[in-house]
Amino acid sequence: MPPMRSATPKHSSRADTTEAVDELMQSLVHPHKDAIEHLRRCLRDSDASIAEGVKWNAPSFRTTEYFATTNLRTKAGIGVILHLGARVRDLPAGGIRITDPEKLLKWLAKDRATIEFSGIAELRSKARAVEQIVRQWIKHV
């Protein structure tokens, strides 16, 4: 019989915690830091299963897998990149379907999209639509 391995929970490193994101945010110098904080709350409030951590040196969000990463390097404002995690998934021919009446999603591939905001005012005005998109997105993760 093979030796038993202790099961390490997925996403159990120090970087996979809200505390790690809080520390990153304390040291972050960014002209849209207030919008980034608002985006964090918006994404976490979208669903109780969403947790955050630091991936790619940015606040990132997960359920069972990471599915969203804050894009701190947009030319103007901030953004969030939505993806389906590291694992390759079988998708329908046209990719995943997300209802997006405000046309916020800019599709980068059939399994990846971005949403960009010029600043906190735009994010506040679109927060409800973002939450609806995220609730749909996490069903595919």
C-alpha atoms as a PDB file:
ATOM      1  CA  MET A   1       0.000   0.000   0.000  1.00  0.00           C
ATOM      2  CA  PRO A   2       1.445   3.445  -0.911  1.00  0.00           C
ATOM      3  CA  PRO A   3       2.334   5.739   1.982  1.00  0.00           C
ATOM      4  CA  MET A   4      -0.364   8.170   3.034  1.00  0.00           C
ATOM      5  CA  ARG A   5       0.320  11.759   2.117  1.00  0.00           C
ATOM      6  CA  SER A   6      -1.087  14.515   4.221  1.00  0.00           C
ATOM      7  CA  ALA A   7      -3.587  16.489   2.227  1.00  0.00           C
ATOM      8  CA  THR A   8      -2.644  20.135   2.011  1.00  0.00           C
ATOM      9  CA  PRO A   9      -5.715  22.237   1.349  1.00  0.00           C
ATOM     10  CA  LYS A  10      -5.643  23.998  -1.992  1.00  0.00           C
ATOM     11  CA  HIS A  11      -4.779  27.688  -1.670  1.00  0.00           C
ATOM     12  CA  SER A  12      -3.461  27.406   1.865  1.00  0.00           C
ATOM     13  CA  SER A  13      -0.304  29.489   1.565  1.00  0.00           C
ATOM     14  CA  ARG A  14       0.180  32.835   3.280  1.00  0.00           C
ATOM     15  CA  ALA A  15      -0.348  34.582  -0.068  1.00  0.00           C
ATOM     16  CA  ASP A  16      -3.843  33.069  -0.279  1.00  0.00           C
ATOM     17  CA  THR A  17      -5.231  35.261   2.506  1.00  0.00           C
ATOM     18  CA  THR A  18      -7.023  38.563   2.865  1.00  0.00           C
ATOM     19  CA  GLU A  19      -4.246  39.576   5.250  1.00  0.00           C
ATOM     20  CA  ALA A  20      -1.713  39.198   2.422  1.00  0.00           C
ATOM     21  CA  VAL A  21      -3.862  41.427   0.204  1.00  0.00           C
ATOM     22  CA  ASP A  22      -4.211  43.969   3.024  1.00  0.00           C
ATOM     23  CA  GLU A  23      -0.409  44.074   3.367  1.00  0.00           C
ATOM     24  CA  LEU A  24       0.013  44.478  -0.396  1.00  0.00           C
ATOM     25  CA  MET A  25      -2.505  47.310  -0.408  1.00  0.00           C
ATOM     26  CA  GLN A  26      -0.773  49.088   2.491  1.00  0.00           C
ATOM     27  CA  SER A  27       2.453  49.244   0.510  1.00  0.00           C
ATOM     28  CA  LEU A  28       0.823  49.920  -2.879  1.00  0.00           C
ATOM     29  CA  VAL A  29       1.326  53.340  -4.401  1.00  0.00           C
ATOM     30  CA  HIS A  30      -1.299  53.708  -7.122  1.00  0.00           C
ATOM     31  CA  PRO A  31      -3.335  56.714  -8.323  1.00  0.00           C
ATOM     32  CA  HIS A  32      -6.530  54.603  -8.155  1.00  0.00           C
ATOM     33  CA  LYS A  33      -5.964  52.858  -4.839  1.00  0.00           C
ATOM     34  CA  ASP A  34      -9.468  53.850  -3.654  1.00  0.00           C
ATOM     35  CA  ALA A  35     -10.977  52.177  -6.721  1.00  0.00           C
ATOM     36  CA  ILE A  36      -8.902  49.041  -6.138  1.00  0.00           C
ATOM     37  CA  GLU A  37     -10.225  48.817  -2.564  1.00  0.00           C
ATOM     38  CA  HIS A  38     -13.779  49.313  -3.836  1.00  0.00           C
ATOM     39  CA  LEU A  39     -13.259  46.614  -6.472  1.00  0.00           C
ATOM     40  CA  ARG A  40     -12.031  44.210  -3.774  1.00  0.00           C
ATOM     41  CA  ARG A  41     -15.222  44.757  -1.788  1.00  0.00           C
ATOM     42  CA  CYS A  42     -17.372  44.465  -4.890  1.00  0.00           C
ATOM     43  CA  LEU A  43     -15.857  41.134  -5.926  1.00  0.00           C
ATOM     44  CA  ARG A  44     -15.909  39.652  -2.408  1.00  0.00           C
ATOM     45  CA  ASP A  45     -19.511  40.780  -1.903  1.00  0.00           C
ATOM     46  CA  SER A  46     -20.612  39.114  -5.152  1.00  0.00           C
ATOM     47  CA  ASP A  47     -20.788  35.675  -3.515  1.00  0.00           C
ATOM     48  CA  ALA A  48     -20.019  34.227  -0.087  1.00  0.00           C
ATOM     49  CA  SER A  49     -17.743  31.581  -1.640  1.00  0.00           C
ATOM     50  CA  ILE A  50     -15.277  34.180  -2.950  1.00  0.00           C
ATOM     51  CA  ALA A  51     -11.975  34.585  -1.115  1.00  0.00           C
ATOM     52  CA  GLU A  52      -8.946  36.657  -2.035  1.00  0.00           C
ATOM     53  CA  GLY A  53      -5.203  36.323  -2.113  1.00  0.00           C
ATOM     54  CA  VAL A  54      -2.145  37.730  -3.846  1.00  0.00           C
ATOM     55  CA  LYS A  55      -1.326  36.271  -7.270  1.00  0.00           C
ATOM     56  CA  TRP A  56       0.885  37.917  -9.878  1.00  0.00           C
ATOM     57  CA  ASN A  57       1.610  40.665  -7.309  1.00  0.00           C
ATOM     58  CA  ALA A  58      -2.003  41.857  -7.386  1.00  0.00           C
ATOM     59  CA  PRO A  59      -5.221  41.245  -5.466  1.00  0.00           C
ATOM     60  CA  SER A  60      -6.776  38.088  -6.924  1.00  0.00           C
ATOM     61  CA  PHE A  61     -10.005  36.241  -6.218  1.00  0.00           C
ATOM     62  CA  ARG A  62     -10.993  32.592  -6.043  1.00  0.00           C
ATOM     63  CA  THR A  63     -13.638  30.059  -5.217  1.00  0.00           C
ATOM     64  CA  THR A  64     -12.159  26.591  -5.774  1.00  0.00           C
ATOM     65  CA  GLU A  65      -9.673  28.137  -8.250  1.00  0.00           C
ATOM     66  CA  TYR A  66      -8.480  31.667  -8.851  1.00  0.00           C
ATOM     67  CA  PHE A  67     -10.785  33.287 -11.405  1.00  0.00           C
ATOM     68  CA  ALA A  68     -10.047  37.030 -11.262  1.00  0.00           C
ATOM     69  CA  THR A  69      -6.954  39.194 -10.959  1.00  0.00           C
ATOM     70  CA  THR A  70      -6.872  42.950 -10.517  1.00  0.00           C
ATOM     71  CA  ASN A  71      -5.111  44.620 -13.424  1.00  0.00           C
ATOM     72  CA  LEU A  72      -3.112  47.414 -11.840  1.00  0.00           C
ATOM     73  CA  ARG A  73      -1.334  48.317 -15.058  1.00  0.00           C
ATOM     74  CA  THR A  74      -4.134  49.527 -17.315  1.00  0.00           C
ATOM     75  CA  LYS A  75      -3.266  52.696 -19.200  1.00  0.00           C
ATOM     76  CA  ALA A  76      -5.953  54.678 -17.371  1.00  0.00           C
ATOM     77  CA  GLY A  77      -7.754  53.531 -14.255  1.00  0.00           C
ATOM     78  CA  ILE A  78      -7.925  49.911 -13.135  1.00  0.00           C
ATOM     79  CA  GLY A  79      -9.281  46.654 -14.424  1.00  0.00           C
ATOM     80  CA  VAL A  80     -10.002  43.083 -13.525  1.00  0.00           C
ATOM     81  CA  ILE A  81      -9.109  40.086 -15.661  1.00  0.00           C
ATOM     82  CA  LEU A  82     -11.603  37.235 -15.429  1.00  0.00           C
ATOM     83  CA  HIS A  83     -10.319  33.756 -16.250  1.00  0.00           C
ATOM     84  CA  LEU A  84     -11.091  30.138 -15.374  1.00  0.00           C
ATOM     85  CA  GLY A  85      -7.995  29.269 -13.376  1.00  0.00           C
ATOM     86  CA  ALA A  86      -4.881  27.348 -14.319  1.00  0.00           C
ATOM     87  CA  ARG A  87      -6.610  24.144 -15.402  1.00  0.00           C
ATOM     88  CA  VAL A  88      -7.629  23.807 -19.064  1.00  0.00           C
ATOM     89  CA  ARG A  89     -11.367  23.244 -19.370  1.00  0.00           C
ATOM     90  CA  ASP A  90     -13.587  21.858 -22.054  1.00  0.00           C
ATOM     91  CA  LEU A  91     -15.787  24.721 -23.161  1.00  0.00           C
ATOM     92  CA  PRO A  92     -18.663  25.005 -25.613  1.00  0.00           C
ATOM     93  CA  ALA A  93     -17.588  25.971 -29.137  1.00  0.00           C
ATOM     94  CA  GLY A  94     -18.408  29.645 -28.591  1.00  0.00           C
ATOM     95  CA  GLY A  95     -16.850  29.787 -25.124  1.00  0.00           C
ATOM     96  CA  ILE A  96     -18.693  30.561 -21.929  1.00  0.00           C
ATOM     97  CA  ARG A  97     -21.848  32.635 -22.046  1.00  0.00           C
ATOM     98  CA  ILE A  98     -22.254  35.548 -19.678  1.00  0.00           C
ATOM     99  CA  THR A  99     -25.195  37.942 -19.726  1.00  0.00           C
ATOM    100  CA  ASP A 100     -23.666  41.411 -19.945  1.00  0.00           C
ATOM    101  CA  PRO A 101     -26.344  44.024 -20.742  1.00  0.00           C
ATOM    102  CA  GLU A 102     -23.985  46.932 -20.022  1.00  0.00           C
ATOM    103  CA  LYS A 103     -21.309  45.501 -22.349  1.00  0.00           C
ATOM    104  CA  LEU A 104     -18.595  45.664 -19.691  1.00  0.00           C
ATOM    105  CA  LEU A 105     -16.737  42.525 -20.774  1.00  0.00           C
ATOM    106  CA  LYS A 106     -13.958  42.785 -23.339  1.00  0.00           C
ATOM    107  CA  TRP A 107     -13.278  39.212 -24.408  1.00  0.00           C
ATOM    108  CA  LEU A 108      -9.601  38.266 -24.700  1.00  0.00           C
ATOM    109  CA  ALA A 109     -10.255  34.575 -25.466  1.00  0.00           C
ATOM    110  CA  LYS A 110     -13.174  32.162 -25.135  1.00  0.00           C
ATOM    111  CA  ASP A 111     -12.283  31.665 -21.462  1.00  0.00           C
ATOM    112  CA  ARG A 112     -10.888  35.086 -20.516  1.00  0.00           C
ATOM    113  CA  ALA A 113     -12.236  38.644 -20.413  1.00  0.00           C
ATOM    114  CA  THR A 114     -11.394  41.982 -18.870  1.00  0.00           C
ATOM    115  CA  ILE A 115     -13.440  44.794 -17.374  1.00  0.00           C
ATOM    116  CA  GLU A 116     -11.853  48.235 -17.090  1.00  0.00           C
ATOM    117  CA  PHE A 117     -12.808  51.322 -15.105  1.00  0.00           C
ATOM    118  CA  SER A 118     -11.509  54.867 -15.472  1.00  0.00           C
ATOM    119  CA  GLY A 119     -11.759  55.378 -11.719  1.00  0.00           C
ATOM    120  CA  ILE A 120     -13.865  54.919  -8.630  1.00  0.00           C
ATOM    121  CA  ALA A 121     -16.877  56.899  -9.925  1.00  0.00           C
ATOM    122  CA  GLU A 122     -17.274  54.595 -12.921  1.00  0.00           C
ATOM    123  CA  LEU A 123     -16.732  51.517 -10.769  1.00  0.00           C
ATOM    124  CA  ARG A 124     -19.393  52.644  -8.285  1.00  0.00           C
ATOM    125  CA  SER A 125     -21.886  53.228 -11.090  1.00  0.00           C
ATOM    126  CA  LYS A 126     -21.239  49.753 -12.539  1.00  0.00           C
ATOM    127  CA  ALA A 127     -20.689  47.749  -9.337  1.00  0.00           C
ATOM    128  CA  ARG A 128     -24.061  46.017  -9.515  1.00  0.00           C
ATOM    129  CA  ALA A 129     -23.448  44.872 -13.100  1.00  0.00           C
ATOM    130  CA  VAL A 130     -19.965  43.644 -12.115  1.00  0.00           C
ATOM    131  CA  GLU A 131     -21.425  41.600  -9.262  1.00  0.00           C
ATOM    132  CA  GLN A 132     -23.957  40.019 -11.650  1.00  0.00           C
ATOM    133  CA  ILE A 133     -21.180  39.121 -14.096  1.00  0.00           C
ATOM    134  CA  VAL A 134     -19.030  37.627 -11.325  1.00  0.00           C
ATOM    135  CA  ARG A 135     -21.918  35.503 -10.016  1.00  0.00           C
ATOM    136  CA  GLN A 136     -22.328  34.053 -13.509  1.00  0.00           C
ATOM    137  CA  TRP A 137     -18.575  33.666 -14.060  1.00  0.00           C
ATOM    138  CA  ILE A 138     -17.887  31.620 -10.931  1.00  0.00           C
ATOM    139  CA  LYS A 139     -20.376  28.972 -12.080  1.00  0.00           C
ATOM    140  CA  HIS A 140     -17.799  28.065 -14.763  1.00  0.00           C
ATOM    141  CA  VAL A 141     -14.794  27.841 -12.413  1.00  0.00           C
END
